Amino acid sequence: MLRPSEHETPGRINLKIQNIERIKTMTIIKNILAFLIGSVVGGAVNMAIITAGMALIPPPGGNSTDANAIAAAIPLYEPKHFVTPFLAHAVGTLVGALVAYLIAASYKSTFAYAIGVLTLIGGIAACFMIPAPAWFMALDLIAAYIPMAWLAVLIGRKFNTASY
């Protein structure tokens, strides 16, 4: 609770309270933007890697934009065809979580891990939609999401300490 000193008037106290409320509101807005921008940037990185990877290692079966076509062609996939999706998931999560960490005004680690959880949920959903080999699903779910969010927190801490 703010207590007036002998030099403060009730008007000054109200201005201080308004400033505190304004700062809290800006913190909330900045945190929401951190999550949204981190999600969008991470998703864009994911899609860019998928697109580039398909040009470098063309998938068997032709159409690789439709989940049903991918599911039908999975038996033709070799281990090299799973490198691109893994890298897309891992790097997309890393970049998205790092962006969220760097933008967030408070609870930076929480927002980075929230991006990791969001992408993990997407990875779990993909496991149900696209029947990949068990080894790939396990590797992807274990190594591409939460560990990359953790790595983003470590990198983000280095950025924050380096900027002071």
N, C-alpha and C. Protein backbone atom coordinates (compact mmCIF):
# COMPACT_ATOMS: atom_id res chain seq x y z
N MET A 1 0.84 -1.18 0.00
CA MET A 1 0.00 0.00 0.00
C MET A 1 0.89 1.24 0.00
N LEU A 2 0.55 2.17 -0.84
CA LEU A 2 1.31 3.42 -0.89
C LEU A 2 0.91 4.32 0.26
N ARG A 3 1.89 4.86 0.94
CA ARG A 3 1.62 5.79 2.03
C ARG A 3 2.17 7.16 1.64
N PRO A 4 1.37 8.16 1.82
CA PRO A 4 1.85 9.49 1.42
C PRO A 4 2.95 9.98 2.36
N SER A 5 3.97 10.58 1.77
CA SER A 5 4.98 11.24 2.58
C SER A 5 4.48 12.66 2.84
N GLU A 6 5.25 13.40 3.57
CA GLU A 6 4.80 14.76 3.89
C GLU A 6 4.75 15.67 2.67
N HIS A 7 5.45 15.26 1.57
CA HIS A 7 5.48 16.10 0.37
C HIS A 7 4.49 15.64 -0.70
N GLU A 8 3.82 14.52 -0.48
CA GLU A 8 2.93 13.99 -1.51
C GLU A 8 1.48 14.37 -1.23
N THR A 9 0.82 14.76 -2.28
CA THR A 9 -0.59 15.09 -2.17
C THR A 9 -1.41 13.91 -2.68
N PRO A 10 -2.69 13.88 -2.37
CA PRO A 10 -3.52 12.78 -2.89
C PRO A 10 -3.49 12.68 -4.42
N GLY A 11 -3.34 13.79 -5.10
CA GLY A 11 -3.26 13.77 -6.58
C GLY A 11 -2.02 13.06 -7.06
N ARG A 12 -0.89 13.27 -6.38
CA ARG A 12 0.35 12.60 -6.76
C ARG A 12 0.24 11.09 -6.53
N ILE A 13 -0.41 10.71 -5.44
CA ILE A 13 -0.58 9.28 -5.15
C ILE A 13 -1.43 8.64 -6.24
N ASN A 14 -2.50 9.32 -6.66
CA ASN A 14 -3.34 8.78 -7.73
C ASN A 14 -2.55 8.61 -9.02
N LEU A 15 -1.67 9.56 -9.33
CA LEU A 15 -0.83 9.44 -10.53
C LEU A 15 0.10 8.24 -10.42
N LYS A 16 0.67 8.01 -9.25
CA LYS A 16 1.54 6.84 -9.05
C LYS A 16 0.76 5.55 -9.25
N ILE A 17 -0.44 5.49 -8.71
CA ILE A 17 -1.27 4.29 -8.86
C ILE A 17 -1.63 4.09 -10.32
N GLN A 18 -1.97 5.16 -11.03
CA GLN A 18 -2.27 5.06 -12.46
C GLN A 18 -1.06 4.58 -13.24
N ASN A 19 0.12 5.06 -12.90
CA ASN A 19 1.33 4.60 -13.59
C ASN A 19 1.59 3.12 -13.33
N ILE A 20 1.39 2.69 -12.11
CA ILE A 20 1.57 1.26 -11.79
C ILE A 20 0.58 0.42 -12.59
N GLU A 21 -0.67 0.85 -12.65
CA GLU A 21 -1.67 0.11 -13.42
C GLU A 21 -1.33 0.10 -14.91
N ARG A 22 -0.82 1.21 -15.43
CA ARG A 22 -0.42 1.30 -16.83
C ARG A 22 0.73 0.33 -17.11
N ILE A 23 1.69 0.27 -16.20
CA ILE A 23 2.82 -0.64 -16.37
C ILE A 23 2.35 -2.09 -16.34
N LYS A 24 1.44 -2.42 -15.44
CA LYS A 24 0.91 -3.79 -15.38
C LYS A 24 0.18 -4.14 -16.67
N THR A 25 -0.61 -3.20 -17.18
CA THR A 25 -1.34 -3.45 -18.43
C THR A 25 -0.38 -3.65 -19.59
N MET A 26 0.65 -2.83 -19.67
CA MET A 26 1.63 -2.96 -20.75
C MET A 26 2.39 -4.29 -20.64
N THR A 27 2.65 -4.73 -19.42
CA THR A 27 3.33 -6.01 -19.22
C THR A 27 2.45 -7.14 -19.73
N ILE A 28 1.18 -7.10 -19.43
CA ILE A 28 0.25 -8.14 -19.89
C ILE A 28 0.18 -8.14 -21.41
N ILE A 29 0.05 -6.97 -22.00
CA ILE A 29 -0.03 -6.87 -23.47
C ILE A 29 1.25 -7.40 -24.11
N LYS A 30 2.38 -7.02 -23.55
CA LYS A 30 3.66 -7.47 -24.09
C LYS A 30 3.80 -9.00 -23.98
N ASN A 31 3.34 -9.56 -22.88
CA ASN A 31 3.40 -11.02 -22.71
C ASN A 31 2.49 -11.75 -23.68
N ILE A 32 1.31 -11.22 -23.91
CA ILE A 32 0.39 -11.82 -24.89
C ILE A 32 1.02 -11.76 -26.28
N LEU A 33 1.59 -10.61 -26.61
CA LEU A 33 2.26 -10.47 -27.91
C LEU A 33 3.46 -11.42 -28.02
N ALA A 34 4.17 -11.63 -26.93
CA ALA A 34 5.32 -12.55 -26.95
C ALA A 34 4.86 -13.95 -27.33
N PHE A 35 3.76 -14.40 -26.76
CA PHE A 35 3.25 -15.73 -27.08
C PHE A 35 2.77 -15.81 -28.53
N LEU A 36 2.01 -14.80 -28.94
CA LEU A 36 1.47 -14.81 -30.31
C LEU A 36 2.58 -14.71 -31.35
N ILE A 37 3.49 -13.78 -31.16
CA ILE A 37 4.58 -13.61 -32.13
C ILE A 37 5.50 -14.81 -32.12
N GLY A 38 5.80 -15.36 -30.95
CA GLY A 38 6.62 -16.56 -30.86
C GLY A 38 5.98 -17.74 -31.59
N SER A 39 4.67 -17.87 -31.45
CA SER A 39 3.95 -18.95 -32.14
C SER A 39 4.00 -18.78 -33.65
N VAL A 40 3.76 -17.57 -34.12
CA VAL A 40 3.74 -17.31 -35.56
C VAL A 40 5.15 -17.47 -36.16
N VAL A 41 6.15 -16.90 -35.50
CA VAL A 41 7.51 -16.99 -36.02
C VAL A 41 7.98 -18.45 -36.01
N GLY A 42 7.71 -19.17 -34.94
CA GLY A 42 8.08 -20.59 -34.87
C GLY A 42 7.41 -21.40 -35.95
N GLY A 43 6.13 -21.14 -36.18
CA GLY A 43 5.40 -21.84 -37.25
C GLY A 43 5.94 -21.50 -38.63
N ALA A 44 6.32 -20.24 -38.83
CA ALA A 44 6.88 -19.83 -40.12
C ALA A 44 8.23 -20.50 -40.37
N VAL A 45 9.05 -20.58 -39.33
CA VAL A 45 10.35 -21.25 -39.46
C VAL A 45 10.13 -22.74 -39.77
N ASN A 46 9.19 -23.34 -39.07
CA ASN A 46 8.85 -24.75 -39.31
C ASN A 46 8.48 -24.97 -40.78
N MET A 47 7.57 -24.15 -41.29
CA MET A 47 7.12 -24.32 -42.67
C MET A 47 8.23 -24.02 -43.68
N ALA A 48 9.07 -23.05 -43.38
CA ALA A 48 10.18 -22.73 -44.29
C ALA A 48 11.15 -23.91 -44.38
N ILE A 49 11.43 -24.54 -43.25
CA ILE A 49 12.34 -25.70 -43.27
C ILE A 49 11.69 -26.87 -43.99
N ILE A 50 10.41 -27.09 -43.77
CA ILE A 50 9.70 -28.18 -44.47
C ILE A 50 9.76 -27.94 -45.97
N THR A 51 9.48 -26.72 -46.40
CA THR A 51 9.48 -26.39 -47.83
C THR A 51 10.87 -26.55 -48.43
N ALA A 52 11.87 -26.02 -47.75
CA ALA A 52 13.25 -26.16 -48.26
C ALA A 52 13.69 -27.62 -48.25
N GLY A 53 13.31 -28.34 -47.22
CA GLY A 53 13.69 -29.75 -47.11
C GLY A 53 13.10 -30.61 -48.21
N MET A 54 11.87 -30.30 -48.62
CA MET A 54 11.25 -31.05 -49.70
C MET A 54 11.97 -30.82 -51.02
N ALA A 55 12.55 -29.64 -51.18
CA ALA A 55 13.32 -29.36 -52.39
C ALA A 55 14.66 -30.10 -52.36
N LEU A 56 15.26 -30.22 -51.18
CA LEU A 56 16.55 -30.89 -51.05
C LEU A 56 16.42 -32.42 -51.08
N ILE A 57 15.43 -32.93 -50.35
CA ILE A 57 15.19 -34.38 -50.30
C ILE A 57 13.73 -34.60 -50.67
N PRO A 58 13.44 -34.75 -51.97
CA PRO A 58 12.04 -34.91 -52.39
C PRO A 58 11.42 -36.17 -51.78
N PRO A 59 10.23 -36.03 -51.24
CA PRO A 59 9.58 -37.20 -50.66
C PRO A 59 9.07 -38.15 -51.74
N PRO A 60 9.07 -39.44 -51.46
CA PRO A 60 8.50 -40.38 -52.43
C PRO A 60 6.98 -40.22 -52.47
N GLY A 61 6.40 -40.49 -53.58
CA GLY A 61 4.95 -40.42 -53.68
C GLY A 61 4.42 -39.09 -54.16
N GLY A 62 5.29 -38.14 -54.46
CA GLY A 62 4.83 -36.88 -55.05
C GLY A 62 4.28 -35.89 -54.05
N ASN A 63 2.96 -35.78 -53.94
CA ASN A 63 2.29 -34.75 -53.15
C ASN A 63 2.65 -34.88 -51.67
N SER A 64 3.31 -33.86 -51.14
CA SER A 64 3.68 -33.89 -49.73
C SER A 64 3.03 -32.77 -48.94
N THR A 65 1.96 -32.19 -49.49
CA THR A 65 1.27 -31.13 -48.79
C THR A 65 -0.02 -31.62 -48.14
N ASP A 66 -0.45 -32.79 -48.50
CA ASP A 66 -1.70 -33.35 -47.98
C ASP A 66 -1.38 -34.46 -46.98
N ALA A 67 -1.98 -34.40 -45.79
CA ALA A 67 -1.70 -35.39 -44.75
C ALA A 67 -2.06 -36.80 -45.22
N ASN A 68 -3.13 -36.95 -45.99
CA ASN A 68 -3.52 -38.28 -46.47
C ASN A 68 -2.50 -38.82 -47.48
N ALA A 69 -1.98 -37.95 -48.34
CA ALA A 69 -0.98 -38.38 -49.31
C ALA A 69 0.32 -38.77 -48.60
N ILE A 70 0.69 -38.01 -47.58
CA ILE A 70 1.89 -38.35 -46.82
C ILE A 70 1.69 -39.69 -46.12
N ALA A 71 0.54 -39.87 -45.49
CA ALA A 71 0.25 -41.13 -44.78
C ALA A 71 0.33 -42.31 -45.73
N ALA A 72 -0.15 -42.14 -46.95
CA ALA A 72 -0.12 -43.23 -47.93
C ALA A 72 1.31 -43.53 -48.39
N ALA A 73 2.16 -42.51 -48.41
CA ALA A 73 3.52 -42.68 -48.91
C ALA A 73 4.52 -43.05 -47.80
N ILE A 74 4.12 -43.02 -46.56
CA ILE A 74 5.05 -43.29 -45.44
C ILE A 74 5.80 -44.62 -45.60
N PRO A 75 5.17 -45.69 -46.07
CA PRO A 75 5.95 -46.93 -46.22
C PRO A 75 7.13 -46.80 -47.18
N LEU A 76 7.10 -45.81 -48.07
CA LEU A 76 8.18 -45.60 -49.02
C LEU A 76 9.30 -44.70 -48.46
N TYR A 77 9.05 -44.09 -47.33
CA TYR A 77 10.02 -43.16 -46.74
C TYR A 77 11.23 -43.91 -46.19
N GLU A 78 12.38 -43.32 -46.41
CA GLU A 78 13.63 -43.81 -45.83
C GLU A 78 13.97 -42.90 -44.66
N PRO A 79 14.92 -43.28 -43.80
CA PRO A 79 15.27 -42.41 -42.67
C PRO A 79 15.64 -40.98 -43.09
N LYS A 80 16.26 -40.81 -44.27
CA LYS A 80 16.63 -39.46 -44.71
C LYS A 80 15.42 -38.55 -44.89
N HIS A 81 14.26 -39.14 -45.17
CA HIS A 81 13.05 -38.33 -45.36
C HIS A 81 12.49 -37.78 -44.04
N PHE A 82 12.98 -38.30 -42.92
CA PHE A 82 12.50 -37.83 -41.63
C PHE A 82 13.40 -36.76 -41.02
N VAL A 83 14.53 -36.48 -41.66
CA VAL A 83 15.43 -35.45 -41.15
C VAL A 83 14.76 -34.08 -41.22
N THR A 84 14.16 -33.78 -42.35
CA THR A 84 13.53 -32.47 -42.53
C THR A 84 12.41 -32.22 -41.52
N PRO A 85 11.46 -33.15 -41.34
CA PRO A 85 10.42 -32.86 -40.34
C PRO A 85 10.97 -32.69 -38.93
N PHE A 86 11.97 -33.50 -38.58
CA PHE A 86 12.54 -33.36 -37.24
C PHE A 86 13.20 -31.99 -37.08
N LEU A 87 14.02 -31.61 -38.05
CA LEU A 87 14.67 -30.30 -37.97
C LEU A 87 13.65 -29.16 -37.97
N ALA A 88 12.61 -29.30 -38.76
CA ALA A 88 11.57 -28.26 -38.79
C ALA A 88 10.90 -28.12 -37.42
N HIS A 89 10.59 -29.24 -36.81
CA HIS A 89 9.94 -29.20 -35.50
C HIS A 89 10.89 -28.64 -34.44
N ALA A 90 12.13 -29.11 -34.45
CA ALA A 90 13.09 -28.68 -33.43
C ALA A 90 13.48 -27.21 -33.59
N VAL A 91 13.85 -26.82 -34.80
CA VAL A 91 14.31 -25.44 -35.02
C VAL A 91 13.13 -24.46 -34.92
N GLY A 92 11.96 -24.86 -35.42
CA GLY A 92 10.78 -24.01 -35.29
C GLY A 92 10.44 -23.75 -33.83
N THR A 93 10.51 -24.80 -33.01
CA THR A 93 10.25 -24.64 -31.58
C THR A 93 11.32 -23.77 -30.93
N LEU A 94 12.58 -24.02 -31.26
CA LEU A 94 13.68 -23.24 -30.69
C LEU A 94 13.52 -21.76 -31.00
N VAL A 95 13.29 -21.43 -32.25
CA VAL A 95 13.17 -20.03 -32.65
C VAL A 95 11.92 -19.39 -32.04
N GLY A 96 10.80 -20.09 -32.10
CA GLY A 96 9.57 -19.54 -31.52
C GLY A 96 9.68 -19.30 -30.03
N ALA A 97 10.28 -20.25 -29.32
CA ALA A 97 10.45 -20.11 -27.87
C ALA A 97 11.44 -18.98 -27.55
N LEU A 98 12.49 -18.86 -28.34
CA LEU A 98 13.46 -17.79 -28.12
C LEU A 98 12.83 -16.42 -28.36
N VAL A 99 12.04 -16.30 -29.41
CA VAL A 99 11.35 -15.03 -29.68
C VAL A 99 10.41 -14.69 -28.53
N ALA A 100 9.65 -15.67 -28.06
CA ALA A 100 8.74 -15.42 -26.93
C ALA A 100 9.52 -15.00 -25.69
N TYR A 101 10.63 -15.67 -25.44
CA TYR A 101 11.47 -15.34 -24.27
C TYR A 101 11.98 -13.90 -24.37
N LEU A 102 12.46 -13.53 -25.52
CA LEU A 102 13.05 -12.20 -25.68
C LEU A 102 12.01 -11.07 -25.65
N ILE A 103 10.80 -11.35 -26.09
CA ILE A 103 9.76 -10.32 -26.12
C ILE A 103 9.04 -10.19 -24.79
N ALA A 104 8.86 -11.28 -24.08
CA ALA A 104 8.07 -11.26 -22.84
C ALA A 104 8.63 -10.25 -21.84
N ALA A 105 7.72 -9.56 -21.17
CA ALA A 105 8.12 -8.57 -20.17
C ALA A 105 8.36 -9.20 -18.82
N SER A 106 7.73 -10.32 -18.56
CA SER A 106 7.88 -11.05 -17.31
C SER A 106 7.62 -12.53 -17.59
N TYR A 107 8.01 -13.37 -16.66
CA TYR A 107 7.81 -14.81 -16.81
C TYR A 107 8.36 -15.32 -18.15
N LYS A 108 9.53 -14.86 -18.51
CA LYS A 108 10.13 -15.17 -19.81
C LYS A 108 10.24 -16.67 -20.06
N SER A 109 10.73 -17.41 -19.07
CA SER A 109 10.87 -18.86 -19.23
C SER A 109 9.52 -19.52 -19.43
N THR A 110 8.52 -19.05 -18.71
CA THR A 110 7.18 -19.63 -18.83
C THR A 110 6.66 -19.49 -20.25
N PHE A 111 6.88 -18.34 -20.86
CA PHE A 111 6.41 -18.15 -22.23
C PHE A 111 7.19 -18.98 -23.22
N ALA A 112 8.48 -19.15 -23.00
CA ALA A 112 9.27 -20.03 -23.87
C ALA A 112 8.77 -21.47 -23.77
N TYR A 113 8.54 -21.92 -22.55
CA TYR A 113 8.04 -23.29 -22.37
C TYR A 113 6.61 -23.44 -22.90
N ALA A 114 5.83 -22.38 -22.84
CA ALA A 114 4.47 -22.43 -23.40
C ALA A 114 4.52 -22.68 -24.90
N ILE A 115 5.49 -22.07 -25.58
CA ILE A 115 5.67 -22.35 -27.01
C ILE A 115 6.07 -23.80 -27.20
N GLY A 116 6.95 -24.31 -26.34
CA GLY A 116 7.34 -25.71 -26.41
C GLY A 116 6.15 -26.65 -26.23
N VAL A 117 5.29 -26.34 -25.29
CA VAL A 117 4.10 -27.17 -25.06
C VAL A 117 3.14 -27.07 -26.23
N LEU A 118 2.95 -25.86 -26.75
CA LEU A 118 2.07 -25.68 -27.91
C LEU A 118 2.55 -26.52 -29.09
N THR A 119 3.84 -26.47 -29.38
CA THR A 119 4.36 -27.24 -30.51
C THR A 119 4.35 -28.74 -30.21
N LEU A 120 4.53 -29.11 -28.95
CA LEU A 120 4.42 -30.52 -28.57
C LEU A 120 3.00 -31.04 -28.83
N ILE A 121 2.01 -30.24 -28.51
CA ILE A 121 0.62 -30.62 -28.79
C ILE A 121 0.42 -30.81 -30.29
N GLY A 122 1.00 -29.90 -31.08
CA GLY A 122 0.95 -30.06 -32.54
C GLY A 122 1.64 -31.33 -33.00
N GLY A 123 2.78 -31.66 -32.38
CA GLY A 123 3.49 -32.89 -32.72
C GLY A 123 2.69 -34.13 -32.37
N ILE A 124 2.01 -34.11 -31.23
CA ILE A 124 1.16 -35.24 -30.84
C ILE A 124 0.02 -35.39 -31.83
N ALA A 125 -0.57 -34.27 -32.21
CA ALA A 125 -1.66 -34.32 -33.20
C ALA A 125 -1.16 -34.89 -34.52
N ALA A 126 0.05 -34.49 -34.94
CA ALA A 126 0.62 -34.99 -36.19
C ALA A 126 0.84 -36.50 -36.12
N CYS A 127 1.19 -37.00 -34.94
CA CYS A 127 1.38 -38.46 -34.78
C CYS A 127 0.08 -39.23 -35.05
N PHE A 128 -1.04 -38.62 -34.73
CA PHE A 128 -2.32 -39.26 -34.99
C PHE A 128 -2.75 -39.12 -36.45
N MET A 129 -2.35 -38.02 -37.08
CA MET A 129 -2.77 -37.77 -38.46
C MET A 129 -1.87 -38.45 -39.49
N ILE A 130 -0.57 -38.54 -39.17
CA ILE A 130 0.40 -39.10 -40.11
C ILE A 130 1.10 -40.28 -39.44
N PRO A 131 0.82 -41.48 -39.87
CA PRO A 131 1.39 -42.66 -39.20
C PRO A 131 2.87 -42.87 -39.54
N ALA A 132 3.73 -42.16 -38.84
CA ALA A 132 5.18 -42.30 -39.03
C ALA A 132 5.68 -43.50 -38.24
N PRO A 133 6.90 -43.94 -38.50
CA PRO A 133 7.47 -45.04 -37.71
C PRO A 133 7.58 -44.65 -36.23
N ALA A 134 7.48 -45.64 -35.38
CA ALA A 134 7.50 -45.38 -33.93
C ALA A 134 8.80 -44.71 -33.50
N TRP A 135 9.94 -45.09 -34.10
CA TRP A 135 11.20 -44.49 -33.70
C TRP A 135 11.22 -42.99 -33.97
N PHE A 136 10.60 -42.58 -35.10
CA PHE A 136 10.57 -41.16 -35.42
C PHE A 136 9.63 -40.40 -34.49
N MET A 137 8.45 -40.97 -34.25
CA MET A 137 7.50 -40.30 -33.35
C MET A 137 8.11 -40.13 -31.96
N ALA A 138 8.79 -41.17 -31.47
CA ALA A 138 9.41 -41.08 -30.15
C ALA A 138 10.51 -40.02 -30.14
N LEU A 139 11.38 -40.06 -31.11
CA LEU A 139 12.47 -39.07 -31.20
C LEU A 139 11.90 -37.66 -31.29
N ASP A 140 10.93 -37.48 -32.14
CA ASP A 140 10.34 -36.17 -32.35
C ASP A 140 9.69 -35.64 -31.08
N LEU A 141 8.87 -36.45 -30.43
CA LEU A 141 8.15 -35.99 -29.24
C LEU A 141 9.08 -35.79 -28.04
N ILE A 142 10.14 -36.59 -27.97
CA ILE A 142 11.05 -36.49 -26.82
C ILE A 142 12.08 -35.37 -27.01
N ALA A 143 12.59 -35.19 -28.22
CA ALA A 143 13.74 -34.30 -28.40
C ALA A 143 13.44 -32.98 -29.12
N ALA A 144 12.33 -32.86 -29.82
CA ALA A 144 12.15 -31.68 -30.68
C ALA A 144 11.38 -30.54 -30.03
N TYR A 145 10.76 -30.73 -28.90
CA TYR A 145 9.88 -29.69 -28.40
C TYR A 145 10.33 -29.10 -27.05
N ILE A 146 10.13 -29.80 -25.98
CA ILE A 146 10.48 -29.26 -24.66
C ILE A 146 11.99 -29.03 -24.53
N PRO A 147 12.84 -29.96 -24.99
CA PRO A 147 14.28 -29.66 -24.91
C PRO A 147 14.69 -28.42 -25.72
N MET A 148 14.02 -28.18 -26.83
CA MET A 148 14.35 -26.98 -27.62
C MET A 148 13.86 -25.72 -26.91
N ALA A 149 12.74 -25.79 -26.21
CA ALA A 149 12.28 -24.65 -25.42
C ALA A 149 13.28 -24.38 -24.29
N TRP A 150 13.79 -25.44 -23.67
CA TRP A 150 14.80 -25.30 -22.62
C TRP A 150 16.06 -24.64 -23.18
N LEU A 151 16.48 -25.09 -24.35
CA LEU A 151 17.65 -24.50 -25.01
C LEU A 151 17.40 -23.02 -25.33
N ALA A 152 16.20 -22.69 -25.75
CA ALA A 152 15.85 -21.29 -26.03
C ALA A 152 15.95 -20.44 -24.77
N VAL A 153 15.55 -20.99 -23.63
CA VAL A 153 15.67 -20.26 -22.37
C VAL A 153 17.15 -20.00 -22.06
N LEU A 154 17.99 -21.00 -22.25
CA LEU A 154 19.43 -20.81 -22.00
C LEU A 154 20.01 -19.75 -22.92
N ILE A 155 19.66 -19.81 -24.19
CA ILE A 155 20.16 -18.81 -25.15
C ILE A 155 19.60 -17.43 -24.81
N GLY A 156 18.33 -17.38 -24.47
CA GLY A 156 17.71 -16.10 -24.11
C GLY A 156 18.37 -15.47 -22.90
N ARG A 157 18.75 -16.28 -21.93
CA ARG A 157 19.45 -15.74 -20.75
C ARG A 157 20.79 -15.15 -21.15
N LYS A 158 21.47 -15.78 -22.10
CA LYS A 158 22.75 -15.24 -22.57
C LYS A 158 22.53 -13.89 -23.27
N PHE A 159 21.48 -13.80 -24.07
CA PHE A 159 21.16 -12.53 -24.74
C PHE A 159 20.86 -11.45 -23.72
N ASN A 160 20.08 -11.78 -22.72
CA ASN A 160 19.70 -10.77 -21.71
C ASN A 160 20.89 -10.31 -20.91
N THR A 161 21.79 -11.21 -20.52
CA THR A 161 22.96 -10.79 -19.73
C THR A 161 23.96 -10.04 -20.60
N ALA A 162 24.00 -10.37 -21.89
CA ALA A 162 24.94 -9.69 -22.78
C ALA A 162 24.48 -8.27 -23.12
N SER A 163 23.20 -8.00 -22.97
CA SER A 163 22.68 -6.68 -23.35
C SER A 163 22.81 -5.65 -22.24
N TYR A 164 23.24 -6.04 -21.06
CA TYR A 164 23.37 -5.08 -19.96
C TYR A 164 24.76 -4.54 -19.84
